[in-house]
Amino acid sequence: MSESIKCSRDEAFRERSLNGDMLALVIYTGMPLAIYQGLSQLFKIFDTIMAAHINAESVSAVAYLSQLIALLSAISGGLSVSAGIKISSAFGEGDYDMVKKRVSTVYLTAAVFAVLMLAVFIPLTEPFLKLAATPDILIKAGASYFSIEILTMAVSFINNIYIAVERSRGNTSRILWMNMLVLVSKLILTAIFVYIFNGGLHMIAIATLLSQSILLIFAIYNSLGKESIFSFDLKFVSFRKNVVNDMYLLSIPVVAEKIFFSLGKTLINSMSTVYGALMVGALGVSNTLGGITTSPQNGFQDGSSAIISQNFGAGKYRRVLSAFYNTAIVNTVMGFIICMSTLLGLDFLSNIFAGGDIHFAKMIREVYRYEAIGSLFLGVNAAVMSLLYGLGKTKITMILNISRVFVFRIPVLYFLQNFTNLKDASIGIVMMVSNISITVMSVTVICFVIRNYKNKYLYKRGEL
């Protein structure tokens, strides 16, 4: 590839990634993503509050259907993760021709999957919801909402790949301001549709579709500049093994983990309906509140995984572990501060979500108090995931994420429902147990991974 293709800003970030101060690099790369993730979660809260303005069933419908949407979005999520790993690795190696090929090929792949998803699921919305054991009351409340969200998901296929590409080149500030534009426009549109036009739940979905379309416009515009190695060019699309094999193979475990994780959460929602439809909403609200703590941590996870991939590709093996340790420290401190803040303001937050329903507010508080205890430890888990994703160990992340739901949630909830008298409290307790258990499992696994990593890349090379 010609030298003119390279971008001086991209080269500057690569140099900083491979040789700069690691703590400063982790914060520089992860902070915009953490801010975006945190604000995104905050705007989800506003969405839930506006859904509560419609009725309580709308809150439960959003909580339930969001898991099904996440289930269908697994392909996009898996492909964006694996593409980000391999693009970052090639960038770290300095193989700019491979970067261009992988970027162009993954964009085309995402577009094909988006079209297929629309063709299959738009005509089959209600049969799919019934197959997923969605309560009739929630199908009635949310079928139109779900159909529109499928359209949004197709748009997000391209957007997710674009964000992964920008993250690979260290353009996290651009990700922040573009997504801020999306979030603000979505909030304004939703408020207009709900409070001024008294629209139903489907109008919230339309607001989401319109706002995601704004990001799509930016994605298309920024991805067509042929002077950049990170832009789309049909001439560079290649399905040769050395281009796509690793990228596609890495995505399979990620897709599987996201499908099973979302399926598991959907099963948890179904099991929660024995306590009434409002409990599904309370669990969804609790997860949203928990996301205030975990979403910024996931931002640092995403940023650090790109740093790890680049340094691993460049043979900077000591810096790989340094990125992991610094991410763990940042996430733990930040998570503790945010989690304690949400607990201190829980009465206020639960009353806002409940829309004046005292019983619903009590259910939210009961679930979240337990979930928050477990959330204190999830920052370490996010750091573990950043190292595993960065090294391309997606099979291990799949096992961990599937275990989180199918080992530490569903069996525990079944036991609590059938062999104890804890009733509503069971939902909160199972969240606490799963969060703590998965952290213990992650730390145990990563100790073995790091030991093997040191033996293979550090001890034998005399770097330790």
Protein backbone atom coordinates (compact mmCIF):
# COMPACT_ATOMS: atom_id res chain seq x y z
CA MET A 1 0.00 0.00 0.00
CA SER A 2 1.33 3.43 -0.88
CA GLU A 3 2.70 5.72 1.80
CA SER A 4 0.01 8.31 0.95
CA ILE A 5 -2.62 5.96 2.30
CA LYS A 6 -1.26 6.29 5.82
CA CYS A 7 -2.61 9.00 8.11
CA SER A 8 -0.17 10.92 10.31
CA ARG A 9 -2.71 11.01 13.15
CA ASP A 10 -3.14 7.24 12.97
CA GLU A 11 0.63 6.81 12.98
CA ALA A 12 0.90 9.11 16.01
CA PHE A 13 -1.63 7.04 17.94
CA ARG A 14 0.12 3.81 16.99
CA GLU A 15 3.40 5.22 18.32
CA ARG A 16 1.72 6.28 21.57
CA SER A 17 -0.02 2.93 21.92
CA LEU A 18 3.24 1.02 21.53
CA ASN A 19 5.55 3.28 23.52
CA GLY A 20 3.62 5.82 25.63
CA ASP A 21 2.84 5.84 29.37
CA MET A 22 0.33 3.04 29.84
CA LEU A 23 -1.92 4.51 32.56
CA ALA A 24 -2.24 7.76 30.63
CA LEU A 25 -2.93 5.78 27.44
CA VAL A 26 -5.63 3.66 29.10
CA ILE A 27 -7.35 6.79 30.42
CA TYR A 28 -6.92 8.70 27.14
CA THR A 29 -8.39 5.86 25.09
CA GLY A 30 -10.96 4.58 27.54
CA MET A 31 -12.34 7.78 29.06
CA PRO A 32 -14.30 8.95 25.97
CA LEU A 33 -15.76 5.45 25.63
CA ALA A 34 -16.56 5.33 29.35
CA ILE A 35 -18.26 8.73 29.19
CA TYR A 36 -20.25 7.62 26.16
CA GLN A 37 -21.24 4.32 27.77
CA GLY A 38 -22.22 6.09 31.00
CA LEU A 39 -24.26 8.74 29.22
CA SER A 40 -25.83 6.07 27.03
CA GLN A 41 -26.98 4.30 30.17
CA LEU A 42 -28.27 7.59 31.58
CA PHE A 43 -30.27 8.18 28.42
CA LYS A 44 -31.68 4.66 28.70
CA ILE A 45 -32.92 5.74 32.11
CA PHE A 46 -34.67 8.70 30.52
CA ASP A 47 -36.17 6.29 27.98
CA THR A 48 -37.51 4.10 30.78
CA ILE A 49 -38.94 7.13 32.59
CA MET A 50 -40.70 8.22 29.41
CA ALA A 51 -41.97 4.69 28.85
CA ALA A 52 -43.35 4.79 32.40
CA HIS A 53 -45.22 7.95 31.39
CA ILE A 54 -47.13 5.80 28.90
CA ASN A 55 -47.92 3.00 31.39
CA ALA A 56 -46.21 0.42 33.63
CA GLU A 57 -46.69 -2.32 31.02
CA SER A 58 -44.57 -0.29 28.62
CA VAL A 59 -41.66 -0.39 31.07
CA SER A 60 -41.95 -4.18 31.27
CA ALA A 61 -42.31 -4.47 27.49
CA VAL A 62 -39.12 -2.47 26.91
CA ALA A 63 -37.26 -4.52 29.55
CA TYR A 64 -38.42 -7.83 28.08
CA LEU A 65 -38.07 -7.02 24.39
CA SER A 66 -34.65 -5.42 24.82
CA GLN A 67 -33.26 -8.86 25.64
CA LEU A 68 -34.74 -10.33 22.46
CA ILE A 69 -33.29 -7.45 20.45
CA ALA A 70 -29.90 -8.06 22.06
CA LEU A 71 -30.26 -11.72 21.10
CA LEU A 72 -30.71 -10.81 17.43
CA SER A 73 -27.93 -8.23 17.58
CA ALA A 74 -25.41 -10.89 18.57
CA ILE A 75 -24.07 -11.34 15.03
CA SER A 76 -23.34 -7.64 14.71
CA GLY A 77 -21.77 -7.53 18.17
CA GLY A 78 -19.63 -10.60 17.57
CA LEU A 79 -18.43 -9.43 14.18
CA SER A 80 -17.55 -5.96 15.47
CA VAL A 81 -15.54 -7.41 18.37
CA SER A 82 -13.57 -9.86 16.22
CA ALA A 83 -13.03 -7.27 13.48
CA GLY A 84 -11.75 -4.79 16.03
CA ILE A 85 -9.30 -7.37 17.41
CA LYS A 86 -7.84 -8.34 14.03
CA ILE A 87 -7.79 -4.80 12.61
CA SER A 88 -5.99 -3.57 15.74
CA SER A 89 -3.54 -6.46 15.54
CA ALA A 90 -2.69 -5.74 11.89
CA PHE A 91 -2.36 -2.04 12.71
CA GLY A 92 0.05 -2.85 15.54
CA GLU A 93 2.10 -5.04 13.20
CA GLY A 94 2.28 -2.19 10.69
CA ASP A 95 0.56 -4.27 7.98
CA TYR A 96 -1.52 -1.43 6.49
CA ASP A 97 -2.59 -3.40 3.43
CA MET A 98 -4.18 -6.02 5.69
CA VAL A 99 -5.89 -3.29 7.73
CA LYS A 100 -7.52 -1.91 4.58
CA LYS A 101 -8.62 -5.36 3.40
CA ARG A 102 -10.16 -6.32 6.73
CA VAL A 103 -11.95 -2.99 7.12
CA SER A 104 -13.45 -3.16 3.63
CA THR A 105 -14.44 -6.82 3.91
CA VAL A 106 -16.10 -6.52 7.31
CA TYR A 107 -18.19 -3.54 6.15
CA LEU A 108 -19.54 -5.56 3.22
CA THR A 109 -20.20 -8.55 5.48
CA ALA A 110 -22.17 -6.40 7.93
CA ALA A 111 -24.29 -4.91 5.14
CA VAL A 112 -25.22 -8.39 3.85
CA PHE A 113 -26.23 -9.58 7.32
CA ALA A 114 -28.32 -6.44 7.87
CA VAL A 115 -30.34 -7.08 4.70
CA LEU A 116 -30.86 -10.75 5.60
CA MET A 117 -32.03 -9.83 9.10
CA LEU A 118 -34.67 -7.47 7.74
CA ALA A 119 -35.89 -10.02 5.20
CA VAL A 120 -36.35 -12.73 7.84
CA PHE A 121 -37.61 -11.00 10.98
CA ILE A 122 -39.80 -8.11 9.83
CA PRO A 123 -42.50 -10.46 8.41
CA LEU A 124 -42.25 -12.81 11.42
CA THR A 125 -42.40 -10.41 14.37
CA GLU A 126 -45.40 -11.82 16.25
CA PRO A 127 -44.56 -15.53 15.64
CA PHE A 128 -41.03 -14.86 16.89
CA LEU A 129 -42.30 -13.11 20.04
CA LYS A 130 -44.65 -16.01 20.77
CA LEU A 131 -41.83 -18.50 20.20
CA ALA A 132 -39.78 -16.55 22.76
CA ALA A 133 -42.57 -17.09 25.32
CA THR A 134 -43.37 -13.38 25.47
CA PRO A 135 -46.49 -12.77 27.61
CA ASP A 136 -49.51 -11.79 25.51
CA ILE A 137 -49.86 -8.48 27.34
CA LEU A 138 -46.30 -7.56 26.36
CA ILE A 139 -46.80 -8.68 22.73
CA LYS A 140 -49.82 -6.41 22.53
CA ALA A 141 -47.89 -3.53 24.07
CA GLY A 142 -44.65 -4.01 22.17
CA ALA A 143 -45.08 -5.77 18.79
CA SER A 144 -44.85 -2.54 16.77
CA TYR A 145 -41.98 -1.38 18.97
CA PHE A 146 -40.12 -4.61 18.25
CA SER A 147 -40.61 -4.37 14.46
CA ILE A 148 -39.17 -0.87 14.38
CA GLU A 149 -36.28 -1.96 16.60
CA ILE A 150 -35.45 -4.61 13.98
CA LEU A 151 -35.02 -1.79 11.45
CA THR A 152 -32.83 0.05 13.94
CA MET A 153 -30.78 -3.09 14.47
CA ALA A 154 -30.07 -3.32 10.73
CA VAL A 155 -28.77 0.25 10.79
CA SER A 156 -26.73 -0.56 13.89
CA PHE A 157 -25.02 -3.43 12.05
CA ILE A 158 -23.08 -0.86 10.03
CA ASN A 159 -22.74 1.56 12.94
CA ASN A 160 -21.20 -1.08 15.22
CA ILE A 161 -18.56 -1.96 12.65
CA TYR A 162 -17.80 1.72 12.12
CA ILE A 163 -17.34 2.25 15.87
CA ALA A 164 -15.07 -0.83 16.05
CA VAL A 165 -12.93 0.58 13.23
CA GLU A 166 -12.67 4.01 14.87
CA ARG A 167 -11.77 2.36 18.17
CA SER A 168 -9.00 0.39 16.45
CA ARG A 169 -7.38 3.62 15.27
CA GLY A 170 -7.73 5.28 18.70
CA ASN A 171 -10.41 7.71 17.53
CA THR A 172 -12.40 7.39 20.74
CA SER A 173 -13.07 11.14 21.00
CA ARG A 174 -14.84 11.02 17.63
CA ILE A 175 -16.89 8.07 18.88
CA LEU A 176 -17.89 10.14 21.91
CA TRP A 177 -19.07 13.27 20.14
CA MET A 178 -20.88 11.41 17.35
CA ASN A 179 -22.71 9.20 19.80
CA MET A 180 -23.50 12.21 21.97
CA LEU A 181 -25.24 13.70 18.94
CA VAL A 182 -27.19 10.46 18.58
CA LEU A 183 -28.15 10.34 22.26
CA VAL A 184 -29.24 13.97 22.47
CA SER A 185 -31.29 13.75 19.27
CA LYS A 186 -32.92 10.55 20.52
CA LEU A 187 -33.80 12.15 23.86
CA ILE A 188 -35.30 15.22 22.20
CA LEU A 189 -37.29 13.18 19.66
CA THR A 190 -38.56 10.76 22.31
CA ALA A 191 -39.66 13.61 24.58
CA ILE A 192 -41.50 15.28 21.70
CA PHE A 193 -43.22 12.05 20.62
CA VAL A 194 -44.24 11.01 24.15
CA TYR A 195 -45.00 14.25 25.99
CA ILE A 196 -46.21 16.50 23.16
CA PHE A 197 -47.82 14.06 20.73
CA ASN A 198 -48.76 11.50 23.42
CA GLY A 199 -47.33 8.73 21.26
CA GLY A 200 -47.21 5.08 22.24
CA LEU A 201 -44.27 2.78 22.78
CA HIS A 202 -43.60 2.47 19.04
CA MET A 203 -42.79 6.18 18.90
CA ILE A 204 -39.85 5.60 21.26
CA ALA A 205 -38.57 3.04 18.76
CA ILE A 206 -38.99 5.51 15.88
CA ALA A 207 -36.93 8.07 17.81
CA THR A 208 -34.19 5.46 18.20
CA LEU A 209 -34.27 4.62 14.49
CA LEU A 210 -34.02 8.26 13.44
CA SER A 211 -31.14 8.98 15.82
CA GLN A 212 -29.19 5.88 14.75
CA SER A 213 -29.68 6.95 11.14
CA ILE A 214 -27.74 10.13 11.96
CA LEU A 215 -24.78 8.01 13.03
CA LEU A 216 -25.16 5.91 9.87
CA ILE A 217 -24.78 9.05 7.75
CA PHE A 218 -21.55 9.93 9.56
CA ALA A 219 -20.36 6.33 9.26
CA ILE A 220 -20.88 6.26 5.50
CA TYR A 221 -19.29 9.68 5.02
CA ASN A 222 -16.21 8.91 7.14
CA SER A 223 -15.77 5.42 5.69
CA LEU A 224 -15.52 6.42 2.05
CA GLY A 225 -12.34 8.51 2.18
CA LYS A 226 -9.95 6.37 0.13
CA GLU A 227 -6.88 8.16 1.45
CA SER A 228 -7.26 6.37 4.80
CA ILE A 229 -6.33 2.76 5.55
CA PHE A 230 -9.45 2.61 7.73
CA SER A 231 -11.92 3.44 4.94
CA PHE A 232 -14.05 1.16 2.75
CA ASP A 233 -12.85 0.41 -0.75
CA LEU A 234 -14.54 -2.25 -2.87
CA LYS A 235 -11.23 -3.05 -4.57
CA PHE A 236 -9.79 -4.17 -1.23
CA VAL A 237 -12.65 -6.53 -0.34
CA SER A 238 -11.10 -9.98 -0.03
CA PHE A 239 -12.41 -13.27 1.28
CA ARG A 240 -9.04 -14.99 1.23
CA LYS A 241 -8.24 -17.10 4.27
CA ASN A 242 -5.47 -14.87 5.58
CA VAL A 243 -7.87 -11.90 5.56
CA VAL A 244 -11.13 -13.29 6.91
CA ASN A 245 -10.49 -16.67 8.54
CA ASP A 246 -9.24 -15.39 11.89
CA MET A 247 -11.77 -12.56 11.86
CA TYR A 248 -14.74 -14.84 11.24
CA LEU A 249 -13.52 -17.68 13.46
CA LEU A 250 -12.97 -15.31 16.38
CA SER A 251 -16.48 -13.92 15.91
CA ILE A 252 -18.20 -17.32 16.27
CA PRO A 253 -17.59 -17.69 20.04
CA VAL A 254 -18.47 -14.01 20.57
CA VAL A 255 -21.74 -14.41 18.64
CA ALA A 256 -22.49 -17.59 20.60
CA GLU A 257 -21.78 -15.95 23.96
CA LYS A 258 -23.98 -12.96 23.13
CA ILE A 259 -26.81 -15.21 21.91
CA PHE A 260 -26.67 -17.45 24.97
CA PHE A 261 -26.25 -14.51 27.34
CA SER A 262 -29.28 -12.71 25.89
CA LEU A 263 -31.23 -15.97 25.75
CA GLY A 264 -30.39 -16.58 29.39
CA LYS A 265 -31.52 -13.10 30.39
CA THR A 266 -34.73 -13.67 28.43
CA LEU A 267 -35.28 -16.90 30.38
CA ILE A 268 -34.66 -15.00 33.62
CA ASN A 269 -37.32 -12.49 32.55
CA SER A 270 -39.73 -15.35 31.84
CA MET A 271 -39.02 -16.92 35.23
CA SER A 272 -39.57 -13.52 36.86
CA THR A 273 -43.12 -13.32 35.54
CA VAL A 274 -44.26 -15.69 38.33
CA TYR A 275 -44.03 -12.61 40.56
CA GLY A 276 -46.15 -10.57 38.12
CA ALA A 277 -45.40 -8.54 34.98
CA LEU A 278 -44.16 -5.62 37.09
CA MET A 279 -41.27 -7.73 38.41
CA VAL A 280 -39.93 -7.95 34.84
CA GLY A 281 -39.96 -4.18 34.79
CA ALA A 282 -38.32 -3.97 38.23
CA LEU A 283 -35.55 -6.31 37.09
CA GLY A 284 -35.08 -4.27 33.92
CA VAL A 285 -34.87 -1.04 35.92
CA SER A 286 -32.41 -2.67 38.33
CA ASN A 287 -30.25 -3.77 35.39
CA THR A 288 -30.41 -0.21 34.05
CA LEU A 289 -29.28 1.19 37.40
CA GLY A 290 -26.53 -1.41 37.54
CA GLY A 291 -25.49 -0.29 34.09
CA ILE A 292 -24.66 3.15 35.50
CA THR A 293 -21.75 1.39 37.22
CA THR A 294 -20.83 -1.24 34.64
CA SER A 295 -21.26 0.73 31.39
CA PRO A 296 -18.29 3.08 31.99
CA GLN A 297 -16.25 0.01 32.95
CA ASN A 298 -17.18 -1.56 29.63
CA GLY A 299 -15.94 1.60 27.93
CA PHE A 300 -12.48 1.08 29.43
CA GLN A 301 -12.75 -2.60 28.49
CA ASP A 302 -13.31 -1.70 24.84
CA GLY A 303 -10.52 0.86 24.76
CA SER A 304 -8.02 -1.41 26.50
CA SER A 305 -8.75 -4.41 24.30
CA ALA A 306 -7.71 -2.34 21.26
CA ILE A 307 -4.49 -1.28 23.03
CA ILE A 308 -3.77 -4.89 23.98
CA SER A 309 -4.36 -6.13 20.40
CA GLN A 310 -2.04 -3.50 18.95
CA ASN A 311 0.76 -4.19 21.42
CA PHE A 312 0.40 -7.94 21.04
CA GLY A 313 0.55 -7.62 17.25
CA ALA A 314 3.68 -5.48 17.56
CA GLY A 315 5.37 -7.93 19.95
CA LYS A 316 5.18 -5.55 22.94
CA TYR A 317 4.32 -8.37 25.31
CA ARG A 318 5.09 -6.65 28.63
CA ARG A 319 2.84 -3.72 27.70
CA VAL A 320 -0.04 -6.13 27.12
CA LEU A 321 -0.06 -7.05 30.82
CA SER A 322 0.53 -3.44 31.83
CA ALA A 323 -2.64 -2.43 29.96
CA PHE A 324 -4.61 -5.12 31.80
CA TYR A 325 -3.36 -4.15 35.27
CA ASN A 326 -3.99 -0.45 34.72
CA THR A 327 -7.49 -1.13 33.40
CA ALA A 328 -8.29 -3.25 36.46
CA ILE A 329 -7.21 -0.43 38.79
CA VAL A 330 -9.16 2.27 36.95
CA ASN A 331 -12.31 0.13 36.70
CA THR A 332 -12.28 -0.93 40.35
CA VAL A 333 -11.89 2.60 41.74
CA MET A 334 -14.42 4.08 39.33
CA GLY A 335 -16.94 1.27 39.89
CA PHE A 336 -16.85 1.62 43.67
CA ILE A 337 -17.47 5.38 43.52
CA ILE A 338 -20.35 5.14 41.03
CA CYS A 339 -22.01 2.15 42.70
CA MET A 340 -22.01 3.78 46.14
CA SER A 341 -23.48 6.94 44.61
CA THR A 342 -26.41 5.03 43.09
CA LEU A 343 -27.11 3.31 46.41
CA LEU A 344 -27.15 6.64 48.24
CA GLY A 345 -29.66 8.00 45.72
CA LEU A 346 -31.71 4.81 45.36
CA ASP A 347 -34.92 6.12 46.95
CA PHE A 348 -34.95 9.07 44.59
CA LEU A 349 -34.11 6.97 41.52
CA SER A 350 -36.65 4.24 42.24
CA ASN A 351 -39.46 6.77 42.70
CA ILE A 352 -38.63 8.38 39.36
CA PHE A 353 -38.69 5.03 37.55
CA ALA A 354 -41.88 3.92 39.24
CA GLY A 355 -43.83 6.92 38.00
CA GLY A 356 -45.59 7.32 41.36
CA ASP A 357 -46.33 3.60 41.85
CA ILE A 358 -45.19 2.97 45.45
CA HIS A 359 -45.32 -0.83 45.11
CA PHE A 360 -43.25 -0.76 41.91
CA ALA A 361 -40.68 1.54 43.54
CA LYS A 362 -40.33 -0.88 46.45
CA MET A 363 -39.75 -3.79 44.05
CA ILE A 364 -37.03 -1.82 42.25
CA ARG A 365 -35.23 -1.00 45.50
CA GLU A 366 -35.41 -4.58 46.72
CA VAL A 367 -33.87 -5.98 43.53
CA TYR A 368 -31.20 -3.32 43.06
CA ARG A 369 -29.82 -3.36 46.61
CA TYR A 370 -28.74 -6.96 46.08
CA GLU A 371 -27.56 -6.41 42.50
CA ALA A 372 -25.42 -3.42 43.55
CA ILE A 373 -23.45 -5.53 46.02
CA GLY A 374 -22.39 -7.83 43.20
CA SER A 375 -21.73 -4.92 40.82
CA LEU A 376 -18.92 -3.67 43.06
CA PHE A 377 -16.74 -6.51 41.74
CA LEU A 378 -17.56 -6.34 38.03
CA GLY A 379 -14.83 -3.81 37.21
CA VAL A 380 -12.24 -6.56 37.58
CA ASN A 381 -14.34 -8.80 35.35
CA ALA A 382 -14.39 -6.10 32.64
CA ALA A 383 -10.59 -5.81 32.83
CA VAL A 384 -10.29 -9.59 32.46
CA MET A 385 -12.50 -9.43 29.38
CA SER A 386 -10.33 -6.69 27.87
CA LEU A 387 -7.25 -8.91 28.14
CA LEU A 388 -9.02 -11.99 26.79
CA TYR A 389 -10.57 -10.12 23.85
CA GLY A 390 -7.30 -8.33 23.11
CA LEU A 391 -5.46 -11.65 22.94
CA GLY A 392 -8.21 -13.15 20.78
CA LYS A 393 -9.23 -15.73 23.39
CA THR A 394 -12.91 -15.50 22.54
CA LYS A 395 -13.62 -19.14 23.39
CA ILE A 396 -12.74 -18.38 27.02
CA THR A 397 -14.91 -15.25 27.07
CA MET A 398 -17.75 -17.34 25.66
CA ILE A 399 -17.43 -19.88 28.48
CA LEU A 400 -17.33 -17.12 31.10
CA ASN A 401 -20.34 -15.21 29.79
CA ILE A 402 -22.44 -18.33 29.28
CA SER A 403 -21.55 -19.49 32.80
CA ARG A 404 -22.63 -16.14 34.19
CA VAL A 405 -26.22 -16.84 33.16
CA PHE A 406 -26.58 -20.60 32.78
CA VAL A 407 -24.51 -21.60 35.81
CA PHE A 408 -24.79 -18.70 38.23
CA ARG A 409 -28.26 -17.29 37.46
CA ILE A 410 -30.83 -19.70 36.08
CA PRO A 411 -30.06 -22.68 38.37
CA VAL A 412 -29.76 -20.37 41.39
CA LEU A 413 -33.09 -18.68 40.62
CA TYR A 414 -34.75 -22.07 40.10
CA PHE A 415 -33.48 -23.18 43.51
CA LEU A 416 -34.61 -19.98 45.23
CA GLN A 417 -38.06 -20.13 43.63
CA ASN A 418 -38.69 -23.78 44.43
CA PHE A 419 -36.87 -24.44 47.69
CA THR A 420 -37.03 -21.16 49.64
CA ASN A 421 -39.65 -18.64 50.74
CA LEU A 422 -37.69 -15.57 49.64
CA LYS A 423 -40.28 -14.69 46.97
CA ASP A 424 -39.58 -11.29 45.31
CA ALA A 425 -36.16 -11.01 46.94
CA SER A 426 -35.03 -14.04 44.91
CA ILE A 427 -34.58 -11.87 41.81
CA GLY A 428 -32.16 -9.50 43.52
CA ILE A 429 -30.27 -12.27 45.30
CA VAL A 430 -29.65 -14.19 42.08
CA MET A 431 -28.16 -11.07 40.47
CA MET A 432 -25.82 -10.62 43.43
CA VAL A 433 -24.76 -14.27 43.39
CA SER A 434 -24.09 -14.30 39.65
CA ASN A 435 -22.08 -11.06 39.67
CA ILE A 436 -19.84 -12.17 42.53
CA SER A 437 -19.46 -15.71 41.19
CA ILE A 438 -18.49 -14.66 37.67
CA THR A 439 -15.85 -12.31 39.06
CA VAL A 440 -14.33 -15.11 41.13
CA MET A 441 -14.38 -17.39 38.08
CA SER A 442 -12.86 -14.69 35.83
CA VAL A 443 -10.02 -13.96 38.25
CA THR A 444 -9.27 -17.68 38.58
CA VAL A 445 -9.21 -18.15 34.81
CA ILE A 446 -7.07 -15.07 34.14
CA CYS A 447 -4.44 -16.21 36.64
CA PHE A 448 -3.89 -19.33 34.52
CA VAL A 449 -3.99 -17.31 31.28
CA ILE A 450 -1.37 -14.85 32.56
CA ARG A 451 0.87 -17.65 33.81
CA ASN A 452 0.80 -19.36 30.42
CA TYR A 453 1.24 -16.02 28.66
CA LYS A 454 4.35 -15.20 30.70
CA ASN A 455 5.82 -18.64 30.04
CA LYS A 456 5.25 -18.34 26.29
CA TYR A 457 6.05 -14.70 25.59
CA LEU A 458 8.17 -13.38 28.47
CA TYR A 459 10.17 -16.04 30.30
CA LYS A 460 11.30 -17.87 27.17
CA ARG A 461 12.31 -14.58 25.57
CA GLY A 462 14.19 -13.49 28.67
CA GLU A 463 11.96 -10.45 29.24
CA LEU A 464 11.29 -11.37 32.88
